[in-house]
Every structure is written in structure tokens, then in C-alpha cells.
Amino acid sequence: MVHQENRVPAAPLVPKVTLVPRVSLVDLVVRVMHSQTMRIPECPSYTQKVWEGYSFLSMTGSERSHVNDLASPGSCLQMFNPIPFMFCEKQENCYYAQRNDRSYWLSTDDEPMMWNPVLANETERHISRCVVCEAPSKIYAFHSQTLEIPKCPDGWSDMWAGSSFLMVSIVH
């Protein structure tokens, strides 16, 4: 047993590391940025890169279609493949590129579009690159119908400026 008078006072606690608030996984938000060039865009400050890839718009096949939200991670595929999906029957037989499947990708804006066919080994350079970023809070886009870049509301900060994209998909 130690007597009270023999105790040495404890040294004051000094933090050895800077503590940062923890972010719950529930609070993390994933967003995608597309460059419309062959250059992979960088994530804005205060966000972290999750992966980079190719800008995938939509696919059609067998009179069905699927359109991606360009802000969702499904629009940024890590590998480019003209037919990035396969069809599987109920008997668990799967077929790759066996139907009238088509895929649509966001293109680069580097060259004027020609009506000549693109050779297979040149296809990838015409596909926009993208990056998936993780942010600790929600990200909102403010659009303008003029040439002016809209200002952020008070208390908000801007992350990037870009162009709005409208897509209409019709399946025949």
C-alpha cells in the first residue's frame, strides 16, 4: 500500500497527435467527376479518391435499357470494355456479347466527330475519364441557365465549376 504523501503527481497530459473528428461511414458521400478528356480529373479538396475509370453513360439490349446518373459511382467503370455486361439464363448459362447489346460512353471533346468507323485500338482515347471521390458531407450542384457561374449560398464553399449535361434516352 502506498501512502498519499509518497505519491508523485502525474504529469499534465499533452496530446502527441492532433485529433480530428471521426466521420461515420454513414456520413460519407461518394461523387463522380468526368473530364470529357483523356485526362483523369482530380478530386476536389476535402475529398479523397476512391478509384478512377471511364465515363459510362448507358447500355441497351433486348429492348431494355439502363441509364446511369453521371454523379453515381456506376458511371465510372474501372476498366473500359465496349460490352461491359453479360446475359445469364435461369439455368445459370451466361453469354457474353451474344445479343443486340450496345453501350454508350461519355466521349472526349478533343477531336471533331467523324463519321468514319473508329478502329478498336483507337476507341479508348475517345472515352472520357472519370474519378470517384469520397466526401465527408453532401455535395450540391447549382446550375445556371446563363453564361454566369452561379455563386454558392452563404456558408458554403465551391469545389469546382463545370458544365451541365442533359441526357435523353429512347429505346426503340
N, C-alpha and C. Protein backbone atom coordinates (compact mmCIF):
# COMPACT_ATOMS: atom_id res chain seq x y z
N MET A 1 0.83 -1.16 0.00
CA MET A 1 0.00 0.00 0.00
C MET A 1 0.89 1.24 0.00
N VAL A 2 0.51 2.25 -0.79
CA VAL A 2 1.29 3.47 -0.92
C VAL A 2 0.61 4.55 -0.12
N HIS A 3 1.41 5.24 0.68
CA HIS A 3 0.86 6.36 1.43
C HIS A 3 0.65 7.54 0.49
N GLN A 4 -0.33 8.34 0.79
CA GLN A 4 -0.67 9.50 -0.02
C GLN A 4 0.51 10.45 -0.18
N GLU A 5 1.29 10.65 0.86
CA GLU A 5 2.38 11.60 0.78
C GLU A 5 3.54 11.08 -0.08
N ASN A 6 3.62 9.79 -0.38
CA ASN A 6 4.69 9.24 -1.21
C ASN A 6 4.34 9.24 -2.71
N ARG A 7 3.15 9.64 -3.07
CA ARG A 7 2.74 9.63 -4.49
C ARG A 7 3.40 10.78 -5.23
N VAL A 8 3.79 10.52 -6.45
CA VAL A 8 4.35 11.55 -7.32
C VAL A 8 3.20 12.09 -8.17
N PRO A 9 3.04 13.43 -8.22
CA PRO A 9 1.95 13.96 -9.03
C PRO A 9 2.15 13.61 -10.51
N ALA A 10 1.06 13.27 -11.16
CA ALA A 10 1.11 12.89 -12.57
C ALA A 10 1.44 14.11 -13.43
N ALA A 11 2.17 13.87 -14.50
CA ALA A 11 2.49 14.96 -15.43
C ALA A 11 1.22 15.34 -16.19
N PRO A 12 1.11 16.62 -16.53
CA PRO A 12 -0.09 17.01 -17.29
C PRO A 12 -0.13 16.27 -18.63
N LEU A 13 -1.33 15.92 -19.06
CA LEU A 13 -1.48 15.19 -20.33
C LEU A 13 -1.24 16.14 -21.50
N VAL A 14 -0.34 15.75 -22.37
CA VAL A 14 -0.06 16.53 -23.57
C VAL A 14 -0.34 15.63 -24.76
N PRO A 15 -1.24 16.06 -25.64
CA PRO A 15 -1.52 15.20 -26.79
C PRO A 15 -0.30 15.10 -27.70
N LYS A 16 0.01 13.91 -28.15
CA LYS A 16 1.14 13.68 -29.03
C LYS A 16 0.71 13.74 -30.50
N VAL A 17 -0.59 13.64 -30.76
CA VAL A 17 -1.09 13.73 -32.13
C VAL A 17 -2.24 14.72 -32.16
N THR A 18 -2.46 15.27 -33.32
CA THR A 18 -3.59 16.16 -33.48
C THR A 18 -4.83 15.31 -33.71
N LEU A 19 -5.83 15.50 -32.91
CA LEU A 19 -7.05 14.73 -33.06
C LEU A 19 -7.97 15.40 -34.06
N VAL A 20 -8.53 14.59 -34.95
CA VAL A 20 -9.50 15.11 -35.92
C VAL A 20 -10.82 14.41 -35.66
N PRO A 21 -11.93 15.10 -35.90
CA PRO A 21 -13.21 14.45 -35.67
C PRO A 21 -13.37 13.23 -36.56
N ARG A 22 -13.90 12.18 -36.02
CA ARG A 22 -14.14 10.96 -36.80
C ARG A 22 -15.40 11.15 -37.63
N VAL A 23 -15.35 10.61 -38.82
CA VAL A 23 -16.51 10.67 -39.70
C VAL A 23 -17.11 9.27 -39.76
N SER A 24 -18.38 9.18 -39.50
CA SER A 24 -19.07 7.90 -39.58
C SER A 24 -19.18 7.48 -41.03
N LEU A 25 -19.09 6.19 -41.32
CA LEU A 25 -19.24 5.70 -42.69
C LEU A 25 -20.60 6.08 -43.26
N VAL A 26 -21.59 6.24 -42.40
CA VAL A 26 -22.92 6.63 -42.85
C VAL A 26 -22.89 8.05 -43.40
N ASP A 27 -22.00 8.89 -42.88
CA ASP A 27 -21.94 10.29 -43.29
C ASP A 27 -21.15 10.51 -44.59
N LEU A 28 -20.39 9.52 -45.05
CA LEU A 28 -19.58 9.71 -46.24
C LEU A 28 -20.46 9.70 -47.49
N VAL A 29 -20.11 10.56 -48.43
CA VAL A 29 -20.86 10.70 -49.67
C VAL A 29 -19.89 10.46 -50.82
N VAL A 30 -20.31 9.70 -51.81
CA VAL A 30 -19.48 9.40 -52.96
C VAL A 30 -20.02 10.18 -54.16
N ARG A 31 -19.12 10.84 -54.88
CA ARG A 31 -19.49 11.60 -56.07
C ARG A 31 -18.48 11.31 -57.17
N VAL A 32 -18.90 11.55 -58.40
CA VAL A 32 -18.05 11.28 -59.55
C VAL A 32 -17.84 12.56 -60.34
N MET A 33 -16.63 12.71 -60.86
CA MET A 33 -16.32 13.83 -61.74
C MET A 33 -15.84 13.26 -63.07
N HIS A 34 -16.35 13.81 -64.17
CA HIS A 34 -15.99 13.38 -65.52
C HIS A 34 -15.25 14.53 -66.20
N SER A 35 -14.17 14.20 -66.93
CA SER A 35 -13.35 15.25 -67.54
C SER A 35 -13.74 15.57 -68.98
N GLN A 36 -14.35 14.65 -69.68
CA GLN A 36 -14.61 14.72 -71.12
C GLN A 36 -13.31 14.92 -71.90
N THR A 37 -12.22 14.44 -71.31
CA THR A 37 -10.91 14.39 -71.97
C THR A 37 -10.28 13.05 -71.61
N MET A 38 -9.07 12.80 -72.12
CA MET A 38 -8.34 11.59 -71.74
C MET A 38 -7.67 11.75 -70.38
N ARG A 39 -7.69 12.99 -69.84
CA ARG A 39 -7.06 13.27 -68.54
C ARG A 39 -7.99 12.82 -67.42
N ILE A 40 -7.42 12.13 -66.44
CA ILE A 40 -8.19 11.71 -65.26
C ILE A 40 -8.34 12.93 -64.36
N PRO A 41 -9.58 13.33 -64.04
CA PRO A 41 -9.75 14.51 -63.19
C PRO A 41 -9.25 14.25 -61.77
N GLU A 42 -8.92 15.32 -61.06
CA GLU A 42 -8.51 15.21 -59.67
C GLU A 42 -9.71 15.45 -58.77
N CYS A 43 -9.74 14.78 -57.64
CA CYS A 43 -10.81 15.02 -56.67
C CYS A 43 -10.63 16.41 -56.08
N PRO A 44 -11.73 17.12 -55.82
CA PRO A 44 -11.63 18.44 -55.18
C PRO A 44 -11.01 18.32 -53.79
N SER A 45 -10.55 19.45 -53.26
CA SER A 45 -10.01 19.43 -51.90
C SER A 45 -11.11 18.98 -50.95
N TYR A 46 -10.75 18.45 -49.84
CA TYR A 46 -11.65 17.91 -48.82
C TYR A 46 -12.32 16.61 -49.25
N THR A 47 -11.89 16.03 -50.37
CA THR A 47 -12.40 14.72 -50.77
C THR A 47 -11.22 13.80 -51.02
N GLN A 48 -11.50 12.50 -51.07
CA GLN A 48 -10.46 11.50 -51.30
C GLN A 48 -10.82 10.64 -52.50
N LYS A 49 -9.82 10.30 -53.30
CA LYS A 49 -10.04 9.45 -54.46
C LYS A 49 -10.32 8.02 -54.00
N VAL A 50 -11.39 7.43 -54.56
CA VAL A 50 -11.71 6.03 -54.29
C VAL A 50 -11.21 5.18 -55.45
N TRP A 51 -11.53 5.57 -56.70
CA TRP A 51 -10.98 4.93 -57.88
C TRP A 51 -11.13 5.87 -59.07
N GLU A 52 -10.46 5.50 -60.15
CA GLU A 52 -10.56 6.24 -61.41
C GLU A 52 -11.02 5.28 -62.49
N GLY A 53 -11.57 5.83 -63.57
CA GLY A 53 -12.07 4.94 -64.60
C GLY A 53 -12.48 5.66 -65.87
N TYR A 54 -13.50 5.07 -66.54
CA TYR A 54 -14.01 5.54 -67.81
C TYR A 54 -15.49 5.89 -67.65
N SER A 55 -15.92 6.97 -68.29
CA SER A 55 -17.27 7.53 -68.10
C SER A 55 -18.33 6.73 -68.87
N PHE A 56 -19.09 5.92 -68.16
CA PHE A 56 -20.10 5.03 -68.73
C PHE A 56 -21.48 5.67 -68.60
N LEU A 57 -22.17 5.87 -69.74
CA LEU A 57 -23.48 6.51 -69.74
C LEU A 57 -24.63 5.53 -69.59
N SER A 58 -24.73 4.58 -70.53
CA SER A 58 -25.88 3.69 -70.51
C SER A 58 -25.61 2.45 -71.35
N MET A 59 -26.56 1.52 -71.28
CA MET A 59 -26.48 0.33 -72.11
C MET A 59 -27.89 -0.06 -72.53
N THR A 60 -27.98 -0.69 -73.68
CA THR A 60 -29.26 -1.22 -74.15
C THR A 60 -29.03 -2.63 -74.65
N GLY A 61 -30.08 -3.42 -74.61
CA GLY A 61 -30.01 -4.79 -75.11
C GLY A 61 -31.35 -5.46 -74.92
N SER A 62 -31.76 -6.23 -75.92
CA SER A 62 -33.02 -6.97 -75.87
C SER A 62 -34.19 -6.07 -75.46
N GLU A 63 -34.24 -4.90 -76.08
CA GLU A 63 -35.32 -3.93 -75.86
C GLU A 63 -35.41 -3.43 -74.42
N ARG A 64 -34.31 -3.48 -73.71
CA ARG A 64 -34.23 -2.93 -72.36
C ARG A 64 -33.07 -1.97 -72.31
N SER A 65 -33.16 -1.03 -71.38
CA SER A 65 -32.05 -0.09 -71.25
C SER A 65 -31.78 0.21 -69.78
N HIS A 66 -30.59 0.65 -69.53
CA HIS A 66 -30.20 1.11 -68.20
C HIS A 66 -29.39 2.39 -68.40
N VAL A 67 -29.82 3.46 -67.73
CA VAL A 67 -29.13 4.74 -67.82
C VAL A 67 -28.53 5.05 -66.45
N ASN A 68 -27.29 5.49 -66.46
CA ASN A 68 -26.60 5.84 -65.22
C ASN A 68 -26.73 7.32 -64.90
N ASP A 69 -26.87 7.64 -63.64
CA ASP A 69 -26.73 9.01 -63.16
C ASP A 69 -25.24 9.32 -63.20
N LEU A 70 -24.83 10.36 -63.91
CA LEU A 70 -23.41 10.67 -64.03
C LEU A 70 -22.76 11.05 -62.71
N ALA A 71 -23.54 11.30 -61.67
CA ALA A 71 -22.98 11.60 -60.35
C ALA A 71 -22.80 10.34 -59.52
N SER A 72 -23.26 9.20 -60.01
CA SER A 72 -23.18 7.96 -59.22
C SER A 72 -21.93 7.16 -59.59
N PRO A 73 -21.43 6.34 -58.68
CA PRO A 73 -20.23 5.55 -58.95
C PRO A 73 -20.38 4.58 -60.12
N GLY A 74 -21.61 4.16 -60.43
CA GLY A 74 -21.82 3.24 -61.55
C GLY A 74 -21.51 3.86 -62.90
N SER A 75 -21.33 5.17 -62.95
CA SER A 75 -21.00 5.84 -64.21
C SER A 75 -19.49 5.92 -64.44
N CYS A 76 -18.70 5.40 -63.52
CA CYS A 76 -17.24 5.44 -63.65
C CYS A 76 -16.70 4.02 -63.49
N LEU A 77 -16.59 3.31 -64.62
CA LEU A 77 -16.11 1.93 -64.58
C LEU A 77 -14.60 1.89 -64.62
N GLN A 78 -14.01 1.04 -63.79
CA GLN A 78 -12.56 0.99 -63.65
C GLN A 78 -11.85 0.50 -64.90
N MET A 79 -12.52 -0.32 -65.70
CA MET A 79 -11.92 -0.81 -66.93
C MET A 79 -12.84 -0.48 -68.09
N PHE A 80 -12.26 -0.12 -69.23
CA PHE A 80 -13.07 0.14 -70.42
C PHE A 80 -13.30 -1.17 -71.15
N ASN A 81 -14.57 -1.44 -71.44
CA ASN A 81 -14.95 -2.61 -72.21
C ASN A 81 -16.19 -2.22 -73.00
N PRO A 82 -16.16 -2.30 -74.34
CA PRO A 82 -17.32 -1.87 -75.12
C PRO A 82 -18.63 -2.57 -74.74
N ILE A 83 -18.56 -3.80 -74.30
CA ILE A 83 -19.75 -4.52 -73.83
C ILE A 83 -19.45 -4.99 -72.40
N PRO A 84 -19.71 -4.11 -71.40
CA PRO A 84 -19.29 -4.42 -70.03
C PRO A 84 -20.28 -5.27 -69.24
N PHE A 85 -21.03 -6.13 -69.91
CA PHE A 85 -22.03 -6.92 -69.21
C PHE A 85 -22.27 -8.22 -69.97
N MET A 86 -22.95 -9.14 -69.33
CA MET A 86 -23.30 -10.40 -69.99
C MET A 86 -24.72 -10.78 -69.61
N PHE A 87 -25.30 -11.68 -70.38
CA PHE A 87 -26.66 -12.14 -70.17
C PHE A 87 -26.60 -13.55 -69.58
N CYS A 88 -27.33 -13.78 -68.49
CA CYS A 88 -27.36 -15.10 -67.86
C CYS A 88 -28.80 -15.62 -67.86
N GLU A 89 -28.96 -16.88 -68.27
CA GLU A 89 -30.27 -17.53 -68.27
C GLU A 89 -30.58 -18.07 -66.89
N LYS A 90 -31.82 -18.48 -66.70
CA LYS A 90 -32.22 -19.07 -65.42
C LYS A 90 -31.46 -20.36 -65.14
N GLN A 91 -31.02 -21.05 -66.18
CA GLN A 91 -30.26 -22.29 -66.00
C GLN A 91 -28.79 -22.02 -65.67
N GLU A 92 -28.47 -20.77 -65.37
CA GLU A 92 -27.12 -20.34 -64.99
C GLU A 92 -26.11 -20.42 -66.13
N ASN A 93 -26.58 -20.41 -67.37
CA ASN A 93 -25.69 -20.30 -68.51
C ASN A 93 -25.56 -18.83 -68.84
N CYS A 94 -24.33 -18.35 -68.95
CA CYS A 94 -24.11 -16.93 -69.22
C CYS A 94 -23.46 -16.76 -70.59
N TYR A 95 -23.86 -15.69 -71.27
CA TYR A 95 -23.37 -15.41 -72.61
C TYR A 95 -22.85 -13.98 -72.65
N TYR A 96 -21.71 -13.83 -73.29
CA TYR A 96 -21.07 -12.52 -73.40
C TYR A 96 -21.20 -12.02 -74.84
N ALA A 97 -21.73 -10.82 -75.02
CA ALA A 97 -21.86 -10.17 -76.33
C ALA A 97 -22.59 -11.06 -77.34
N GLN A 98 -23.68 -11.69 -76.93
CA GLN A 98 -24.42 -12.59 -77.79
C GLN A 98 -25.73 -12.01 -78.30
N ARG A 99 -26.07 -10.80 -77.89
CA ARG A 99 -27.35 -10.23 -78.27
C ARG A 99 -27.13 -8.92 -79.00
N ASN A 100 -28.17 -8.12 -79.10
CA ASN A 100 -28.04 -6.82 -79.76
C ASN A 100 -27.64 -5.74 -78.76
N ASP A 101 -26.72 -6.07 -77.88
CA ASP A 101 -26.31 -5.16 -76.81
C ASP A 101 -25.49 -3.99 -77.35
N ARG A 102 -25.69 -2.83 -76.73
CA ARG A 102 -24.92 -1.63 -77.05
C ARG A 102 -24.57 -0.92 -75.76
N SER A 103 -23.42 -0.30 -75.75
CA SER A 103 -23.06 0.54 -74.60
C SER A 103 -22.78 1.95 -75.11
N TYR A 104 -23.05 2.93 -74.25
CA TYR A 104 -22.86 4.33 -74.59
C TYR A 104 -21.95 4.96 -73.54
N TRP A 105 -20.93 5.67 -74.01
CA TRP A 105 -19.91 6.23 -73.14
C TRP A 105 -19.83 7.73 -73.38
N LEU A 106 -19.50 8.48 -72.35
CA LEU A 106 -19.28 9.91 -72.49
C LEU A 106 -17.98 10.09 -73.27
N SER A 107 -18.02 10.88 -74.33
CA SER A 107 -16.84 10.99 -75.19
C SER A 107 -15.95 12.16 -74.79
N THR A 108 -14.75 12.14 -75.34
CA THR A 108 -13.84 13.26 -75.16
C THR A 108 -14.25 14.36 -76.13
N ASP A 109 -13.81 15.57 -75.87
CA ASP A 109 -14.14 16.67 -76.77
C ASP A 109 -12.91 17.15 -77.52
N ASP A 110 -11.87 16.32 -77.58
CA ASP A 110 -10.61 16.73 -78.17
C ASP A 110 -10.65 16.84 -79.69
N GLU A 111 -11.38 15.95 -80.34
CA GLU A 111 -11.37 15.92 -81.79
C GLU A 111 -12.79 16.10 -82.32
N PRO A 112 -12.92 16.70 -83.52
CA PRO A 112 -14.26 16.75 -84.11
C PRO A 112 -14.72 15.33 -84.44
N MET A 113 -16.00 15.11 -84.28
CA MET A 113 -16.55 13.78 -84.55
C MET A 113 -16.55 13.52 -86.06
N MET A 114 -16.05 12.39 -86.45
CA MET A 114 -16.03 11.99 -87.85
C MET A 114 -17.03 10.85 -88.02
N TRP A 115 -17.51 10.68 -89.22
CA TRP A 115 -18.45 9.59 -89.47
C TRP A 115 -17.74 8.30 -89.83
N ASN A 116 -16.41 8.33 -89.86
CA ASN A 116 -15.65 7.12 -90.15
C ASN A 116 -15.67 6.21 -88.93
N PRO A 117 -15.65 4.90 -89.16
CA PRO A 117 -15.59 3.98 -88.02
C PRO A 117 -14.29 4.19 -87.24
N VAL A 118 -14.36 3.97 -85.94
CA VAL A 118 -13.18 4.07 -85.08
C VAL A 118 -12.59 2.68 -84.95
N LEU A 119 -11.30 2.56 -85.17
CA LEU A 119 -10.63 1.27 -85.04
C LEU A 119 -10.62 0.85 -83.58
N ALA A 120 -10.66 -0.46 -83.34
CA ALA A 120 -10.75 -0.99 -81.98
C ALA A 120 -9.63 -0.47 -81.08
N ASN A 121 -8.40 -0.41 -81.61
CA ASN A 121 -7.28 0.03 -80.77
C ASN A 121 -7.27 1.54 -80.54
N GLU A 122 -8.17 2.30 -81.20
CA GLU A 122 -8.26 3.74 -81.01
C GLU A 122 -9.47 4.15 -80.17
N THR A 123 -10.32 3.21 -79.84
CA THR A 123 -11.57 3.52 -79.15
C THR A 123 -11.34 4.19 -77.81
N GLU A 124 -10.44 3.66 -77.02
CA GLU A 124 -10.24 4.13 -75.64
C GLU A 124 -9.89 5.61 -75.56
N ARG A 125 -9.18 6.14 -76.55
CA ARG A 125 -8.79 7.55 -76.49
C ARG A 125 -9.96 8.50 -76.75
N HIS A 126 -11.10 7.97 -77.17
CA HIS A 126 -12.29 8.79 -77.39
C HIS A 126 -13.25 8.73 -76.20
N ILE A 127 -12.90 8.00 -75.15
CA ILE A 127 -13.77 7.82 -73.98
C ILE A 127 -13.31 8.74 -72.85
N SER A 128 -14.24 9.51 -72.30
CA SER A 128 -13.95 10.42 -71.19
C SER A 128 -13.45 9.65 -69.97
N ARG A 129 -12.54 10.25 -69.23
CA ARG A 129 -12.04 9.66 -68.00
C ARG A 129 -12.78 10.28 -66.81
N CYS A 130 -12.79 9.55 -65.70
CA CYS A 130 -13.54 9.99 -64.52
C CYS A 130 -12.82 9.56 -63.25
N VAL A 131 -13.27 10.13 -62.14
CA VAL A 131 -12.74 9.76 -60.83
C VAL A 131 -13.90 9.73 -59.85
N VAL A 132 -13.89 8.75 -58.95
CA VAL A 132 -14.88 8.64 -57.88
C VAL A 132 -14.24 9.20 -56.63
N CYS A 133 -14.91 10.16 -56.00
CA CYS A 133 -14.38 10.85 -54.83
C CYS A 133 -15.30 10.64 -53.64
N GLU A 134 -14.71 10.56 -52.46
CA GLU A 134 -15.45 10.38 -51.22
C GLU A 134 -15.36 11.68 -50.42
N ALA A 135 -16.52 12.19 -50.00
CA ALA A 135 -16.56 13.46 -49.26
C ALA A 135 -17.20 13.24 -47.90
N PRO A 136 -16.83 14.04 -46.90
CA PRO A 136 -17.40 13.87 -45.56
C PRO A 136 -18.79 14.49 -45.40
N SER A 137 -19.29 15.15 -46.43
CA SER A 137 -20.64 15.72 -46.35
C SER A 137 -21.25 15.77 -47.74
N LYS A 138 -22.52 16.09 -47.81
CA LYS A 138 -23.21 16.13 -49.10
C LYS A 138 -22.63 17.22 -49.99
N ILE A 139 -22.67 16.95 -51.29
CA ILE A 139 -22.21 17.89 -52.29
C ILE A 139 -23.41 18.26 -53.15
N TYR A 140 -23.61 19.55 -53.36
CA TYR A 140 -24.73 20.01 -54.17
C TYR A 140 -24.20 20.73 -55.40
N ALA A 141 -24.90 20.57 -56.51
CA ALA A 141 -24.56 21.28 -57.74
C ALA A 141 -25.60 22.37 -57.96
N PHE A 142 -25.13 23.56 -58.25
CA PHE A 142 -26.02 24.68 -58.56
C PHE A 142 -25.82 25.02 -60.04
N HIS A 143 -26.90 24.96 -60.80
CA HIS A 143 -26.83 25.18 -62.25
C HIS A 143 -27.35 26.57 -62.60
N SER A 144 -26.84 27.09 -63.70
CA SER A 144 -27.28 28.39 -64.21
C SER A 144 -27.76 28.20 -65.64
N GLN A 145 -28.75 28.94 -66.04
CA GLN A 145 -29.19 28.89 -67.44
C GLN A 145 -28.66 30.09 -68.21
N THR A 146 -27.60 30.68 -67.68
CA THR A 146 -26.91 31.78 -68.35
C THR A 146 -25.43 31.40 -68.44
N LEU A 147 -24.62 32.29 -68.96
CA LEU A 147 -23.18 32.03 -69.04
C LEU A 147 -22.46 32.31 -67.72
N GLU A 148 -23.18 32.86 -66.74
CA GLU A 148 -22.57 33.16 -65.44
C GLU A 148 -22.48 31.90 -64.58
N ILE A 149 -21.37 31.77 -63.89
CA ILE A 149 -21.21 30.66 -62.94
C ILE A 149 -21.95 31.05 -61.67
N PRO A 150 -22.90 30.23 -61.22
CA PRO A 150 -23.67 30.60 -60.02
C PRO A 150 -22.79 30.64 -58.77
N LYS A 151 -23.14 31.50 -57.86
CA LYS A 151 -22.41 31.63 -56.59
C LYS A 151 -23.00 30.64 -55.58
N CYS A 152 -22.16 30.19 -54.67
CA CYS A 152 -22.61 29.30 -53.59
C CYS A 152 -23.40 30.11 -52.56
N PRO A 153 -24.37 29.48 -51.91
CA PRO A 153 -25.08 30.17 -50.83
C PRO A 153 -24.10 30.52 -49.69
N ASP A 154 -24.49 31.47 -48.85
CA ASP A 154 -23.66 31.85 -47.70
C ASP A 154 -23.35 30.63 -46.85
N GLY A 155 -22.12 30.52 -46.40
CA GLY A 155 -21.71 29.41 -45.56
C GLY A 155 -21.24 28.19 -46.34
N TRP A 156 -21.33 28.21 -47.65
CA TRP A 156 -20.90 27.10 -48.49
C TRP A 156 -19.65 27.53 -49.24
N SER A 157 -18.83 26.56 -49.66
CA SER A 157 -17.66 26.88 -50.47
C SER A 157 -17.72 26.09 -51.77
N ASP A 158 -17.15 26.67 -52.82
CA ASP A 158 -17.20 25.98 -54.11
C ASP A 158 -16.07 24.97 -54.21
N MET A 159 -16.34 23.89 -54.94
CA MET A 159 -15.35 22.83 -55.13
C MET A 159 -14.83 22.84 -56.57
N TRP A 160 -15.70 23.10 -57.54
CA TRP A 160 -15.30 23.19 -58.93
C TRP A 160 -16.41 23.86 -59.72
N ALA A 161 -16.09 24.29 -60.92
CA ALA A 161 -17.08 24.83 -61.85
C ALA A 161 -17.03 23.98 -63.10
N GLY A 162 -18.17 23.72 -63.68
CA GLY A 162 -18.22 22.88 -64.87
C GLY A 162 -19.46 23.17 -65.69
N SER A 163 -19.77 22.28 -66.59
CA SER A 163 -20.92 22.44 -67.47
C SER A 163 -22.01 21.45 -67.09
N SER A 164 -23.24 21.85 -67.31
CA SER A 164 -24.39 20.97 -67.07
C SER A 164 -24.52 20.00 -68.25
N PHE A 165 -25.05 18.82 -67.99
CA PHE A 165 -25.21 17.81 -69.03
C PHE A 165 -26.63 17.26 -68.94
N LEU A 166 -27.35 17.30 -70.04
CA LEU A 166 -28.70 16.76 -70.10
C LEU A 166 -28.68 15.57 -71.03
N MET A 167 -29.24 14.46 -70.59
CA MET A 167 -29.27 13.26 -71.42
C MET A 167 -30.69 12.78 -71.55
N VAL A 168 -31.06 12.43 -72.78
CA VAL A 168 -32.36 11.83 -73.06
C VAL A 168 -32.09 10.48 -73.68
N SER A 169 -32.74 9.45 -73.19
CA SER A 169 -32.53 8.10 -73.69
C SER A 169 -33.84 7.55 -74.23
N ILE A 170 -33.82 7.09 -75.46
CA ILE A 170 -35.01 6.50 -76.08
C ILE A 170 -34.61 5.13 -76.62
N VAL A 171 -35.35 4.10 -76.24
CA VAL A 171 -35.09 2.76 -76.74
C VAL A 171 -36.17 2.42 -77.75
N HIS A 172 -35.76 1.95 -78.91
CA HIS A 172 -36.73 1.59 -79.96
C HIS A 172 -37.20 0.17 -79.78
